[in-house]
PDB file of N, CA and C in Angstrom:
ATOM      1  N   MET A   1       0.850  -1.186   0.000  1.00  0.00           N
ATOM      2  CA  MET A   1       0.000   0.000   0.000  1.00  0.00           C
ATOM      3  C   MET A   1       0.886   1.236   0.000  1.00  0.00           C
ATOM      4  N   ALA A   2       0.619   2.148  -0.855  1.00  0.00           N
ATOM      5  CA  ALA A   2       1.361   3.401  -0.906  1.00  0.00           C
ATOM      6  C   ALA A   2       0.600   4.458  -0.118  1.00  0.00           C
ATOM      7  N   TYR A   3       1.343   5.286   0.573  1.00  0.00           N
ATOM      8  CA  TYR A   3       0.755   6.387   1.335  1.00  0.00           C
ATOM      9  C   TYR A   3       1.176   7.689   0.688  1.00  0.00           C
ATOM     10  N   LYS A   4       0.232   8.595   0.530  1.00  0.00           N
ATOM     11  CA  LYS A   4       0.529   9.884  -0.099  1.00  0.00           C
ATOM     12  C   LYS A   4       1.413  10.743   0.789  1.00  0.00           C
ATOM     13  N   ASN A   5       1.257  10.591   2.098  1.00  0.00           N
ATOM     14  CA  ASN A   5       2.017  11.408   3.032  1.00  0.00           C
ATOM     15  C   ASN A   5       2.007  10.751   4.406  1.00  0.00           C
ATOM     16  N   LEU A   6       2.701  11.357   5.326  1.00  0.00           N
ATOM     17  CA  LEU A   6       2.805  10.806   6.669  1.00  0.00           C
ATOM     18  C   LEU A   6       1.454  10.797   7.372  1.00  0.00           C
ATOM     19  N   GLN A   7       0.647  11.788   7.102  1.00  0.00           N
ATOM     20  CA  GLN A   7      -0.673  11.856   7.723  1.00  0.00           C
ATOM     21  C   GLN A   7      -1.520  10.631   7.334  1.00  0.00           C
ATOM     22  N   GLU A   8      -1.429  10.211   6.108  1.00  0.00           N
ATOM     23  CA  GLU A   8      -2.163   9.033   5.654  1.00  0.00           C
ATOM     24  C   GLU A   8      -1.649   7.768   6.349  1.00  0.00           C
ATOM     25  N   PHE A   9      -0.328   7.679   6.520  1.00  0.00           N
ATOM     26  CA  PHE A   9       0.252   6.535   7.229  1.00  0.00           C
ATOM     27  C   PHE A   9      -0.185   6.543   8.692  1.00  0.00           C
ATOM     28  N   ILE A  10      -0.245   7.702   9.308  1.00  0.00           N
ATOM     29  CA  ILE A  10      -0.717   7.806  10.689  1.00  0.00           C
ATOM     30  C   ILE A  10      -2.160   7.310  10.781  1.00  0.00           C
ATOM     31  N   GLY A  11      -2.977   7.641   9.800  1.00  0.00           N
ATOM     32  CA  GLY A  11      -4.349   7.144   9.756  1.00  0.00           C
ATOM     33  C   GLY A  11      -4.399   5.629   9.672  1.00  0.00           C
ATOM     34  N   ALA A  12      -3.503   5.040   8.876  1.00  0.00           N
ATOM     35  CA  ALA A  12      -3.442   3.583   8.756  1.00  0.00           C
ATOM     36  C   ALA A  12      -3.026   2.959  10.085  1.00  0.00           C
ATOM     37  N   LEU A  13      -2.060   3.576  10.771  1.00  0.00           N
ATOM     38  CA  LEU A  13      -1.657   3.087  12.092  1.00  0.00           C
ATOM     39  C   LEU A  13      -2.832   3.121  13.057  1.00  0.00           C
ATOM     40  N   GLU A  14      -3.581   4.196  13.006  1.00  0.00           N
ATOM     41  CA  GLU A  14      -4.745   4.345  13.874  1.00  0.00           C
ATOM     42  C   GLU A  14      -5.807   3.288  13.564  1.00  0.00           C
ATOM     43  N   ASN A  15      -6.066   3.047  12.296  1.00  0.00           N
ATOM     44  CA  ASN A  15      -7.044   2.031  11.886  1.00  0.00           C
ATOM     45  C   ASN A  15      -6.656   0.636  12.346  1.00  0.00           C
ATOM     46  N   GLU A  16      -5.355   0.371  12.421  1.00  0.00           N
ATOM     47  CA  GLU A  16      -4.855  -0.935  12.857  1.00  0.00           C
ATOM     48  C   GLU A  16      -4.652  -1.002  14.369  1.00  0.00           C
ATOM     49  N   ASN A  17      -5.078   0.044  15.082  1.00  0.00           N
ATOM     50  CA  ASN A  17      -4.900   0.123  16.542  1.00  0.00           C
ATOM     51  C   ASN A  17      -3.423   0.009  16.930  1.00  0.00           C
ATOM     52  N   GLU A  18      -2.558   0.640  16.147  1.00  0.00           N
ATOM     53  CA  GLU A  18      -1.113   0.615  16.369  1.00  0.00           C
ATOM     54  C   GLU A  18      -0.571   1.984  16.772  1.00  0.00           C
ATOM     55  N   LEU A  19      -1.456   2.905  17.140  1.00  0.00           N
ATOM     56  CA  LEU A  19      -1.032   4.266  17.454  1.00  0.00           C
ATOM     57  C   LEU A  19      -1.668   4.735  18.755  1.00  0.00           C
ATOM     58  N   VAL A  20      -0.848   5.409  19.568  1.00  0.00           N
ATOM     59  CA  VAL A  20      -1.343   6.080  20.766  1.00  0.00           C
ATOM     60  C   VAL A  20      -1.104   7.567  20.571  1.00  0.00           C
ATOM     61  N   ARG A  21      -2.168   8.350  20.662  1.00  0.00           N
ATOM     62  CA  ARG A  21      -2.049   9.809  20.583  1.00  0.00           C
ATOM     63  C   ARG A  21      -1.864  10.354  21.995  1.00  0.00           C
ATOM     64  N   ILE A  22      -0.817  11.137  22.184  1.00  0.00           N
ATOM     65  CA  ILE A  22      -0.531  11.735  23.482  1.00  0.00           C
ATOM     66  C   ILE A  22      -0.792  13.227  23.352  1.00  0.00           C
ATOM     67  N   LYS A  23      -1.883  13.678  23.968  1.00  0.00           N
ATOM     68  CA  LYS A  23      -2.317  15.069  23.833  1.00  0.00           C
ATOM     69  C   LYS A  23      -1.743  15.972  24.925  1.00  0.00           C
ATOM     70  N   THR A  24      -1.317  15.397  26.027  1.00  0.00           N
ATOM     71  CA  THR A  24      -0.734  16.149  27.129  1.00  0.00           C
ATOM     72  C   THR A  24       0.631  16.687  26.717  1.00  0.00           C
ATOM     73  N   TYR A  25       0.992  17.879  27.212  1.00  0.00           N
ATOM     74  CA  TYR A  25       2.304  18.456  26.891  1.00  0.00           C
ATOM     75  C   TYR A  25       3.414  17.513  27.344  1.00  0.00           C
ATOM     76  N   VAL A  26       4.371  17.271  26.444  1.00  0.00           N
ATOM     77  CA  VAL A  26       5.549  16.466  26.735  1.00  0.00           C
ATOM     78  C   VAL A  26       6.767  17.251  26.262  1.00  0.00           C
ATOM     79  N   ASN A  27       7.753  17.377  27.137  1.00  0.00           N
ATOM     80  CA  ASN A  27       8.982  18.094  26.803  1.00  0.00           C
ATOM     81  C   ASN A  27       9.716  17.340  25.695  1.00  0.00           C
ATOM     82  N   PRO A  28      10.003  18.010  24.566  1.00  0.00           N
ATOM     83  CA  PRO A  28      10.633  17.312  23.445  1.00  0.00           C
ATOM     84  C   PRO A  28      12.109  16.988  23.660  1.00  0.00           C
ATOM     85  N   TYR A  29      12.740  17.558  24.660  1.00  0.00           N
ATOM     86  CA  TYR A  29      14.177  17.350  24.830  1.00  0.00           C
ATOM     87  C   TYR A  29      14.517  16.052  25.552  1.00  0.00           C
ATOM     88  N   LEU A  30      13.794  15.708  26.598  1.00  0.00           N
ATOM     89  CA  LEU A  30      14.122  14.488  27.326  1.00  0.00           C
ATOM     90  C   LEU A  30      12.939  13.547  27.483  1.00  0.00           C
ATOM     91  N   GLU A  31      11.764  14.080  27.672  1.00  0.00           N
ATOM     92  CA  GLU A  31      10.620  13.234  27.976  1.00  0.00           C
ATOM     93  C   GLU A  31      10.200  12.359  26.796  1.00  0.00           C
ATOM     94  N   ILE A  32      10.187  12.903  25.602  1.00  0.00           N
ATOM     95  CA  ILE A  32       9.782  12.112  24.440  1.00  0.00           C
ATOM     96  C   ILE A  32      10.697  10.900  24.280  1.00  0.00           C
ATOM     97  N   ALA A  33      11.993  11.105  24.424  1.00  0.00           N
ATOM     98  CA  ALA A  33      12.943  10.002  24.289  1.00  0.00           C
ATOM     99  C   ALA A  33      12.727   8.955  25.378  1.00  0.00           C
ATOM    100  N   GLU A  34      12.512   9.388  26.600  1.00  0.00           N
ATOM    101  CA  GLU A  34      12.316   8.449  27.710  1.00  0.00           C
ATOM    102  C   GLU A  34      11.029   7.645  27.546  1.00  0.00           C
ATOM    103  N   ILE A  35       9.945   8.316  27.207  1.00  0.00           N
ATOM    104  CA  ILE A  35       8.665   7.623  27.014  1.00  0.00           C
ATOM    105  C   ILE A  35       8.774   6.625  25.865  1.00  0.00           C
ATOM    106  N   THR A  36       9.373   7.053  24.769  1.00  0.00           N
ATOM    107  CA  THR A  36       9.520   6.171  23.608  1.00  0.00           C
ATOM    108  C   THR A  36      10.393   4.974  23.945  1.00  0.00           C
ATOM    109  N   ASP A  37      11.477   5.191  24.682  1.00  0.00           N
ATOM    110  CA  ASP A  37      12.362   4.099  25.079  1.00  0.00           C
ATOM    111  C   ASP A  37      11.603   3.052  25.885  1.00  0.00           C
ATOM    112  N   ARG A  38      10.828   3.500  26.842  1.00  0.00           N
ATOM    113  CA  ARG A  38      10.075   2.563  27.684  1.00  0.00           C
ATOM    114  C   ARG A  38       9.020   1.794  26.881  1.00  0.00           C
ATOM    115  N   ILE A  39       8.296   2.505  26.033  1.00  0.00           N
ATOM    116  CA  ILE A  39       7.240   1.859  25.242  1.00  0.00           C
ATOM    117  C   ILE A  39       7.831   0.878  24.233  1.00  0.00           C
ATOM    118  N   SER A  40       8.914   1.256  23.585  1.00  0.00           N
ATOM    119  CA  SER A  40       9.493   0.401  22.540  1.00  0.00           C
ATOM    120  C   SER A  40      10.072  -0.893  23.105  1.00  0.00           C
ATOM    121  N   LYS A  41      10.324  -0.939  24.401  1.00  0.00           N
ATOM    122  CA  LYS A  41      10.871  -2.146  25.031  1.00  0.00           C
ATOM    123  C   LYS A  41       9.787  -3.078  25.561  1.00  0.00           C
ATOM    124  N   THR A  42       8.527  -2.735  25.356  1.00  0.00           N
ATOM    125  CA  THR A  42       7.441  -3.607  25.776  1.00  0.00           C
ATOM    126  C   THR A  42       7.187  -4.670  24.714  1.00  0.00           C
ATOM    127  N   ASN A  43       6.231  -5.540  24.972  1.00  0.00           N
ATOM    128  CA  ASN A  43       5.932  -6.649  24.048  1.00  0.00           C
ATOM    129  C   ASN A  43       5.701  -6.173  22.627  1.00  0.00           C
ATOM    130  N   ASN A  44       6.332  -6.852  21.690  1.00  0.00           N
ATOM    131  CA  ASN A  44       6.184  -6.570  20.253  1.00  0.00           C
ATOM    132  C   ASN A  44       6.510  -5.131  19.870  1.00  0.00           C
ATOM    133  N   GLY A  45       7.373  -4.485  20.613  1.00  0.00           N
ATOM    134  CA  GLY A  45       7.801  -3.132  20.266  1.00  0.00           C
ATOM    135  C   GLY A  45       6.859  -2.027  20.681  1.00  0.00           C
ATOM    136  N   GLY A  46       5.829  -2.355  21.436  1.00  0.00           N
ATOM    137  CA  GLY A  46       4.880  -1.337  21.879  1.00  0.00           C
ATOM    138  C   GLY A  46       4.089  -0.784  20.712  1.00  0.00           C
ATOM    139  N   LYS A  47       3.574   0.402  20.887  1.00  0.00           N
ATOM    140  CA  LYS A  47       2.786   1.063  19.831  1.00  0.00           C
ATOM    141  C   LYS A  47       3.550   2.274  19.310  1.00  0.00           C
ATOM    142  N   ALA A  48       3.125   2.762  18.166  1.00  0.00           N
ATOM    143  CA  ALA A  48       3.641   4.030  17.657  1.00  0.00           C
ATOM    144  C   ALA A  48       3.057   5.138  18.534  1.00  0.00           C
ATOM    145  N   LEU A  49       3.810   6.195  18.731  1.00  0.00           N
ATOM    146  CA  LEU A  49       3.395   7.287  19.606  1.00  0.00           C
ATOM    147  C   LEU A  49       3.351   8.590  18.826  1.00  0.00           C
ATOM    148  N   LEU A  50       2.236   9.284  18.935  1.00  0.00           N
ATOM    149  CA  LEU A  50       2.115  10.596  18.300  1.00  0.00           C
ATOM    150  C   LEU A  50       1.974  11.634  19.401  1.00  0.00           C
ATOM    151  N   PHE A  51       3.055  12.385  19.636  1.00  0.00           N
ATOM    152  CA  PHE A  51       3.065  13.443  20.643  1.00  0.00           C
ATOM    153  C   PHE A  51       2.509  14.700  19.976  1.00  0.00           C
ATOM    154  N   GLU A  52       1.314  15.089  20.375  1.00  0.00           N
ATOM    155  CA  GLU A  52       0.627  16.190  19.704  1.00  0.00           C
ATOM    156  C   GLU A  52       0.903  17.550  20.338  1.00  0.00           C
ATOM    157  N   ASN A  53       1.424  17.579  21.546  1.00  0.00           N
ATOM    158  CA  ASN A  53       1.669  18.839  22.241  1.00  0.00           C
ATOM    159  C   ASN A  53       3.107  18.851  22.742  1.00  0.00           C
ATOM    160  N   THR A  54       4.005  19.398  21.909  1.00  0.00           N
ATOM    161  CA  THR A  54       5.430  19.433  22.249  1.00  0.00           C
ATOM    162  C   THR A  54       5.937  20.852  22.478  1.00  0.00           C
ATOM    163  N   GLY A  55       5.033  21.816  22.408  1.00  0.00           N
ATOM    164  CA  GLY A  55       5.448  23.205  22.516  1.00  0.00           C
ATOM    165  C   GLY A  55       5.840  23.804  21.173  1.00  0.00           C
ATOM    166  N   TYR A  56       5.765  23.017  20.126  1.00  0.00           N
ATOM    167  CA  TYR A  56       6.081  23.476  18.777  1.00  0.00           C
ATOM    168  C   TYR A  56       4.829  23.339  17.914  1.00  0.00           C
ATOM    169  N   GLU A  57       4.902  23.826  16.684  1.00  0.00           N
ATOM    170  CA  GLU A  57       3.742  23.818  15.791  1.00  0.00           C
ATOM    171  C   GLU A  57       3.387  22.435  15.261  1.00  0.00           C
ATOM    172  N   PHE A  58       4.302  21.501  15.340  1.00  0.00           N
ATOM    173  CA  PHE A  58       4.083  20.215  14.699  1.00  0.00           C
ATOM    174  C   PHE A  58       4.166  19.079  15.720  1.00  0.00           C
ATOM    175  N   PRO A  59       3.432  18.004  15.479  1.00  0.00           N
ATOM    176  CA  PRO A  59       3.511  16.831  16.354  1.00  0.00           C
ATOM    177  C   PRO A  59       4.762  16.015  16.044  1.00  0.00           C
ATOM    178  N   VAL A  60       5.074  15.078  16.925  1.00  0.00           N
ATOM    179  CA  VAL A  60       6.243  14.216  16.746  1.00  0.00           C
ATOM    180  C   VAL A  60       5.771  12.761  16.753  1.00  0.00           C
ATOM    181  N   LEU A  61       6.083  12.037  15.684  1.00  0.00           N
ATOM    182  CA  LEU A  61       5.739  10.622  15.583  1.00  0.00           C
ATOM    183  C   LEU A  61       6.971   9.801  15.933  1.00  0.00           C
ATOM    184  N   MET A  62       6.807   8.898  16.897  1.00  0.00           N
ATOM    185  CA  MET A  62       7.922   8.052  17.335  1.00  0.00           C
ATOM    186  C   MET A  62       7.504   6.588  17.278  1.00  0.00           C
ATOM    187  N   ASN A  63       8.486   5.728  17.121  1.00  0.00           N
ATOM    188  CA  ASN A  63       8.290   4.281  17.141  1.00  0.00           C
ATOM    189  C   ASN A  63       7.339   3.811  16.032  1.00  0.00           C
ATOM    190  N   ALA A  64       7.273   4.557  14.963  1.00  0.00           N
ATOM    191  CA  ALA A  64       6.354   4.216  13.872  1.00  0.00           C
ATOM    192  C   ALA A  64       6.714   2.882  13.221  1.00  0.00           C
ATOM    193  N   TYR A  65       7.990   2.539  13.181  1.00  0.00           N
ATOM    194  CA  TYR A  65       8.435   1.298  12.551  1.00  0.00           C
ATOM    195  C   TYR A  65       9.032   0.347  13.589  1.00  0.00           C
ATOM    196  N   GLY A  66       8.554   0.448  14.824  1.00  0.00           N
ATOM    197  CA  GLY A  66       9.123  -0.298  15.946  1.00  0.00           C
ATOM    198  C   GLY A  66       8.657  -1.733  16.079  1.00  0.00           C
ATOM    199  N   SER A  67       7.831  -2.206  15.172  1.00  0.00           N
ATOM    200  CA  SER A  67       7.417  -3.611  15.210  1.00  0.00           C
ATOM    201  C   SER A  67       7.377  -4.129  13.778  1.00  0.00           C
ATOM    202  N   GLU A  68       7.452  -5.435  13.653  1.00  0.00           N
ATOM    203  CA  GLU A  68       7.395  -6.029  12.323  1.00  0.00           C
ATOM    204  C   GLU A  68       6.056  -5.733  11.652  1.00  0.00           C
ATOM    205  N   LYS A  69       4.989  -5.743  12.442  1.00  0.00           N
ATOM    206  CA  LYS A  69       3.661  -5.464  11.892  1.00  0.00           C
ATOM    207  C   LYS A  69       3.619  -4.070  11.276  1.00  0.00           C
ATOM    208  N   ARG A  70       4.174  -3.060  11.961  1.00  0.00           N
ATOM    209  CA  ARG A  70       4.144  -1.690  11.434  1.00  0.00           C
ATOM    210  C   ARG A  70       5.087  -1.522  10.250  1.00  0.00           C
ATOM    211  N   MET A  71       6.217  -2.227  10.254  1.00  0.00           N
ATOM    212  CA  MET A  71       7.100  -2.153   9.087  1.00  0.00           C
ATOM    213  C   MET A  71       6.413  -2.748   7.868  1.00  0.00           C
ATOM    214  N   CYS A  72       5.718  -3.860   8.054  1.00  0.00           N
ATOM    215  CA  CYS A  72       4.980  -4.471   6.934  1.00  0.00           C
ATOM    216  C   CYS A  72       3.879  -3.536   6.453  1.00  0.00           C
ATOM    217  N   LEU A  73       3.202  -2.888   7.386  1.00  0.00           N
ATOM    218  CA  LEU A  73       2.158  -1.934   7.021  1.00  0.00           C
ATOM    219  C   LEU A  73       2.743  -0.793   6.186  1.00  0.00           C
ATOM    220  N   ALA A  74       3.893  -0.293   6.599  1.00  0.00           N
ATOM    221  CA  ALA A  74       4.534   0.814   5.880  1.00  0.00           C
ATOM    222  C   ALA A  74       4.991   0.396   4.487  1.00  0.00           C
ATOM    223  N   LEU A  75       5.477  -0.834   4.365  1.00  0.00           N
ATOM    224  CA  LEU A  75       5.998  -1.316   3.086  1.00  0.00           C
ATOM    225  C   LEU A  75       4.934  -1.940   2.200  1.00  0.00           C
ATOM    226  N   GLY A  76       3.746  -2.160   2.749  1.00  0.00           N
ATOM    227  CA  GLY A  76       2.669  -2.743   1.956  1.00  0.00           C
ATOM    228  C   GLY A  76       2.843  -4.218   1.672  1.00  0.00           C
ATOM    229  N   VAL A  77       3.400  -4.952   2.637  1.00  0.00           N
ATOM    230  CA  VAL A  77       3.609  -6.389   2.476  1.00  0.00           C
ATOM    231  C   VAL A  77       3.003  -7.135   3.663  1.00  0.00           C
ATOM    232  N   LYS A  78       2.818  -8.436   3.490  1.00  0.00           N
ATOM    233  CA  LYS A  78       2.314  -9.257   4.597  1.00  0.00           C
ATOM    234  C   LYS A  78       3.449  -9.732   5.484  1.00  0.00           C
ATOM    235  N   SER A  79       4.641  -9.849   4.904  1.00  0.00           N
ATOM    236  CA  SER A  79       5.807 -10.335   5.638  1.00  0.00           C
ATOM    237  C   SER A  79       7.049  -9.616   5.132  1.00  0.00           C
ATOM    238  N   LEU A  80       7.994  -9.385   6.016  1.00  0.00           N
ATOM    239  CA  LEU A  80       9.254  -8.765   5.594  1.00  0.00           C
ATOM    240  C   LEU A  80      10.034  -9.699   4.678  1.00  0.00           C
ATOM    241  N   ASN A  81       9.744 -10.985   4.748  1.00  0.00           N
ATOM    242  CA  ASN A  81      10.388 -11.938   3.836  1.00  0.00           C
ATOM    243  C   ASN A  81      10.024 -11.654   2.382  1.00  0.00           C
ATOM    244  N   ASP A  82       8.854 -11.066   2.159  1.00  0.00           N
ATOM    245  CA  ASP A  82       8.462 -10.699   0.796  1.00  0.00           C
ATOM    246  C   ASP A  82       9.436  -9.679   0.219  1.00  0.00           C
ATOM    247  N   VAL A  83       9.838  -8.729   1.033  1.00  0.00           N
ATOM    248  CA  VAL A  83      10.787  -7.695   0.590  1.00  0.00           C
ATOM    249  C   VAL A  83      12.150  -8.327   0.337  1.00  0.00           C
ATOM    250  N   ALA A  84      12.605  -9.173   1.255  1.00  0.00           N
ATOM    251  CA  ALA A  84      13.901  -9.835   1.093  1.00  0.00           C
ATOM    252  C   ALA A  84      13.930 -10.692  -0.170  1.00  0.00           C
ATOM    253  N   ARG A  85      12.841 -11.391  -0.427  1.00  0.00           N
ATOM    254  CA  ARG A  85      12.755 -12.242  -1.618  1.00  0.00           C
ATOM    255  C   ARG A  85      12.837 -11.394  -2.888  1.00  0.00           C
ATOM    256  N   ASP A  86      12.130 -10.274  -2.895  1.00  0.00           N
ATOM    257  CA  ASP A  86      12.162  -9.390  -4.068  1.00  0.00           C
ATOM    258  C   ASP A  86      13.565  -8.856  -4.322  1.00  0.00           C
ATOM    259  N   ILE A  87      14.246  -8.480  -3.259  1.00  0.00           N
ATOM    260  CA  ILE A  87      15.593  -7.920  -3.402  1.00  0.00           C
ATOM    261  C   ILE A  87      16.576  -8.979  -3.883  1.00  0.00           C
ATOM    262  N   SER A  88      16.514 -10.164  -3.290  1.00  0.00           N
ATOM    263  CA  SER A  88      17.489 -11.202  -3.642  1.00  0.00           C
ATOM    264  C   SER A  88      17.263 -11.778  -5.041  1.00  0.00           C
ATOM    265  N   SER A  89      16.056 -11.678  -5.556  1.00  0.00           N
ATOM    266  CA  SER A  89      15.775 -12.252  -6.875  1.00  0.00           C
ATOM    267  C   SER A  89      15.830 -11.223  -7.996  1.00  0.00           C
ATOM    268  N   SER A  90      16.315 -10.023  -7.704  1.00  0.00           N
ATOM    269  CA  SER A  90      16.324  -8.975  -8.716  1.00  0.00           C
ATOM    270  C   SER A  90      17.730  -8.432  -8.920  1.00  0.00           C
ATOM    271  N   ASP A  91      17.959  -7.903 -10.102  1.00  0.00           N
ATOM    272  CA  ASP A  91      19.235  -7.251 -10.377  1.00  0.00           C
ATOM    273  C   ASP A  91      19.125  -5.732 -10.200  1.00  0.00           C
ATOM    274  N   GLN A  92      17.955  -5.246  -9.774  1.00  0.00           N
ATOM    275  CA  GLN A  92      17.763  -3.820  -9.529  1.00  0.00           C
ATOM    276  C   GLN A  92      18.212  -3.463  -8.113  1.00  0.00           C
ATOM    277  N   SER A  93      18.439  -2.173  -7.888  1.00  0.00           N
ATOM    278  CA  SER A  93      18.811  -1.736  -6.551  1.00  0.00           C
ATOM    279  C   SER A  93      17.619  -1.896  -5.613  1.00  0.00           C
ATOM    280  N   PRO A  94      17.869  -2.159  -4.326  1.00  0.00           N
ATOM    281  CA  PRO A  94      16.766  -2.291  -3.363  1.00  0.00           C
ATOM    282  C   PRO A  94      15.853  -1.076  -3.354  1.00  0.00           C
ATOM    283  N   TRP A  95      16.416   0.118  -3.563  1.00  0.00           N
ATOM    284  CA  TRP A  95      15.600   1.337  -3.550  1.00  0.00           C
ATOM    285  C   TRP A  95      14.566   1.317  -4.675  1.00  0.00           C
ATOM    286  N   LYS A  96      14.990   0.907  -5.869  1.00  0.00           N
ATOM    287  CA  LYS A  96      14.058   0.867  -7.005  1.00  0.00           C
ATOM    288  C   LYS A  96      12.961  -0.171  -6.776  1.00  0.00           C
ATOM    289  N   ILE A  97      13.324  -1.304  -6.200  1.00  0.00           N
ATOM    290  CA  ILE A  97      12.332  -2.336  -5.907  1.00  0.00           C
ATOM    291  C   ILE A  97      11.323  -1.812  -4.892  1.00  0.00           C
ATOM    292  N   TYR A  98      11.819  -1.166  -3.850  1.00  0.00           N
ATOM    293  CA  TYR A  98      10.929  -0.622  -2.816  1.00  0.00           C
ATOM    294  C   TYR A  98       9.979   0.412  -3.407  1.00  0.00           C
ATOM    295  N   ARG A  99      10.516   1.333  -4.211  1.00  0.00           N
ATOM    296  CA  ARG A  99       9.662   2.367  -4.818  1.00  0.00           C
ATOM    297  C   ARG A  99       8.596   1.745  -5.706  1.00  0.00           C
ATOM    298  N   LYS A 100       8.993   0.747  -6.486  1.00  0.00           N
ATOM    299  CA  LYS A 100       8.039   0.099  -7.391  1.00  0.00           C
ATOM    300  C   LYS A 100       6.947  -0.610  -6.593  1.00  0.00           C
ATOM    301  N   ARG A 101       7.336  -1.320  -5.534  1.00  0.00           N
ATOM    302  CA  ARG A 101       6.384  -2.075  -4.727  1.00  0.00           C
ATOM    303  C   ARG A 101       5.448  -1.147  -3.966  1.00  0.00           C
ATOM    304  N   SER A 102       5.992  -0.093  -3.377  1.00  0.00           N
ATOM    305  CA  SER A 102       5.201   0.751  -2.484  1.00  0.00           C
ATOM    306  C   SER A 102       4.454   1.859  -3.207  1.00  0.00           C
ATOM    307  N   GLY A 103       4.936   2.253  -4.394  1.00  0.00           N
ATOM    308  CA  GLY A 103       4.304   3.356  -5.101  1.00  0.00           C
ATOM    309  C   GLY A 103       4.674   4.707  -4.519  1.00  0.00           C
ATOM    310  N   HIS A 104       5.694   4.755  -3.652  1.00  0.00           N
ATOM    311  CA  HIS A 104       6.097   6.027  -3.065  1.00  0.00           C
ATOM    312  C   HIS A 104       6.670   6.940  -4.136  1.00  0.00           C
ATOM    313  N   PHE A 105       6.500   8.221  -3.953  1.00  0.00           N
ATOM    314  CA  PHE A 105       6.958   9.178  -4.935  1.00  0.00           C
ATOM    315  C   PHE A 105       8.463   9.349  -4.873  1.00  0.00           C
ATOM    316  N   ASP A 106       9.024   9.837  -5.938  1.00  0.00           N
ATOM    317  CA  ASP A 106      10.457  10.062  -6.067  1.00  0.00           C
ATOM    318  C   ASP A 106      10.784  11.453  -5.559  1.00  0.00           C
ATOM    319  N   HIS A 107      11.709  11.527  -4.620  1.00  0.00           N
ATOM    320  CA  HIS A 107      12.126  12.815  -4.068  1.00  0.00           C
ATOM    321  C   HIS A 107      13.133  13.519  -4.978  1.00  0.00           C
ATOM    322  N   GLY A 108      13.523  12.891  -6.061  1.00  0.00           N
ATOM    323  CA  GLY A 108      14.600  13.411  -6.900  1.00  0.00           C
ATOM    324  C   GLY A 108      14.380  14.810  -7.430  1.00  0.00           C
ATOM    325  N   ASN A 109      13.163  15.255  -7.558  1.00  0.00           N
ATOM    326  CA  ASN A 109      12.883  16.586  -8.080  1.00  0.00           C
ATOM    327  C   ASN A 109      12.279  17.486  -7.019  1.00  0.00           C
ATOM    328  N   CYS A 110      12.791  17.395  -5.802  1.00  0.00           N
ATOM    329  CA  CYS A 110      12.193  18.162  -4.716  1.00  0.00           C
ATOM    330  C   CYS A 110      12.485  19.653  -4.832  1.00  0.00           C
ATOM    331  N   GLY A 111      13.514  20.036  -5.597  1.00  0.00           N
ATOM    332  CA  GLY A 111      13.785  21.441  -5.827  1.00  0.00           C
ATOM    333  C   GLY A 111      14.696  22.092  -4.796  1.00  0.00           C
ATOM    334  N   ARG A 112      15.097  21.343  -3.785  1.00  0.00           N
ATOM    335  CA  ARG A 112      15.971  21.932  -2.775  1.00  0.00           C
ATOM    336  C   ARG A 112      17.424  21.749  -3.190  1.00  0.00           C
ATOM    337  N   SER A 113      18.183  22.809  -3.137  1.00  0.00           N
ATOM    338  CA  SER A 113      19.567  22.760  -3.602  1.00  0.00           C
ATOM    339  C   SER A 113      20.478  21.996  -2.648  1.00  0.00           C
ATOM    340  N   ASP A 114      20.096  21.851  -1.383  1.00  0.00           N
ATOM    341  CA  ASP A 114      20.962  21.198  -0.408  1.00  0.00           C
ATOM    342  C   ASP A 114      20.776  19.681  -0.372  1.00  0.00           C
ATOM    343  N   HIS A 115      20.080  19.101  -1.357  1.00  0.00           N
ATOM    344  CA  HIS A 115      19.839  17.674  -1.361  1.00  0.00           C
ATOM    345  C   HIS A 115      20.576  16.947  -2.476  1.00  0.00           C
ATOM    346  N   SER A 116      21.697  17.458  -2.915  1.00  0.00           N
ATOM    347  CA  SER A 116      22.365  16.855  -4.064  1.00  0.00           C
ATOM    348  C   SER A 116      22.829  15.419  -3.800  1.00  0.00           C
ATOM    349  N   GLU A 117      23.193  15.083  -2.597  1.00  0.00           N
ATOM    350  CA  GLU A 117      23.656  13.727  -2.289  1.00  0.00           C
ATOM    351  C   GLU A 117      22.862  13.152  -1.123  1.00  0.00           C
ATOM    352  N   SER A 118      21.588  13.380  -1.083  1.00  0.00           N
ATOM    353  CA  SER A 118      20.785  12.912   0.044  1.00  0.00           C
ATOM    354  C   SER A 118      19.687  11.979  -0.419  1.00  0.00           C
ATOM    355  N   ILE A 119      18.807  11.673   0.486  1.00  0.00           N
ATOM    356  CA  ILE A 119      17.699  10.761   0.207  1.00  0.00           C
ATOM    357  C   ILE A 119      16.808  11.291  -0.900  1.00  0.00           C
ATOM    358  N   CYS A 120      16.834  12.594  -1.143  1.00  0.00           N
ATOM    359  CA  CYS A 120      15.988  13.150  -2.201  1.00  0.00           C
ATOM    360  C   CYS A 120      16.455  12.736  -3.589  1.00  0.00           C
ATOM    361  N   GLN A 121      17.645  12.207  -3.696  1.00  0.00           N
ATOM    362  CA  GLN A 121      18.130  11.690  -4.962  1.00  0.00           C
ATOM    363  C   GLN A 121      18.761  10.330  -4.699  1.00  0.00           C
ATOM    364  N   PRO A 122      17.929   9.314  -4.403  1.00  0.00           N
ATOM    365  CA  PRO A 122      18.442   8.035  -3.932  1.00  0.00           C
ATOM    366  C   PRO A 122      19.340   7.295  -4.919  1.00  0.00           C
ATOM    367  N   GLU A 123      19.126   7.463  -6.211  1.00  0.00           N
ATOM    368  CA  GLU A 123      19.972   6.745  -7.155  1.00  0.00           C
ATOM    369  C   GLU A 123      21.425   7.185  -7.042  1.00  0.00           C
ATOM    370  N   ARG A 124      21.640   8.465  -6.763  1.00  0.00           N
ATOM    371  CA  ARG A 124      23.001   8.972  -6.615  1.00  0.00           C
ATOM    372  C   ARG A 124      23.587   8.616  -5.254  1.00  0.00           C
ATOM    373  N   ALA A 125      22.731   8.612  -4.212  1.00  0.00           N
ATOM    374  CA  ALA A 125      23.217   8.354  -2.866  1.00  0.00           C
ATOM    375  C   ALA A 125      23.647   6.907  -2.698  1.00  0.00           C
ATOM    376  N   LEU A 126      22.982   5.982  -3.413  1.00  0.00           N
ATOM    377  CA  LEU A 126      23.347   4.575  -3.288  1.00  0.00           C
ATOM    378  C   LEU A 126      24.498   4.307  -4.191  1.00  0.00           C
TER     379      LEU A 126
END
């Protein structure tokens, strides 16, 4: 399954009961890390955490890929072995296989000048 943006992926996490929204103010410097550390060490990696009140304009999503179930949800597969099988049986780069499978958009034309060797141009970075 391809997601248009992070908000859509957050919705999918919520639909799968894999997300906890934290509306109470949490200090982004130490508390978010401590809470995430404790949750991620629980059974099956805990849940993804969306801190909605950090004192800044934007929320913080943590532990989104902290379990095999959430990684499969993000990649649009039933098992991570599906991804490994695709990579090992292909002569293409893993990035191209992932993009083709997931339908994620290409960051290569993002227009930012500071991304010449970054994730926004994955063919060059790999």
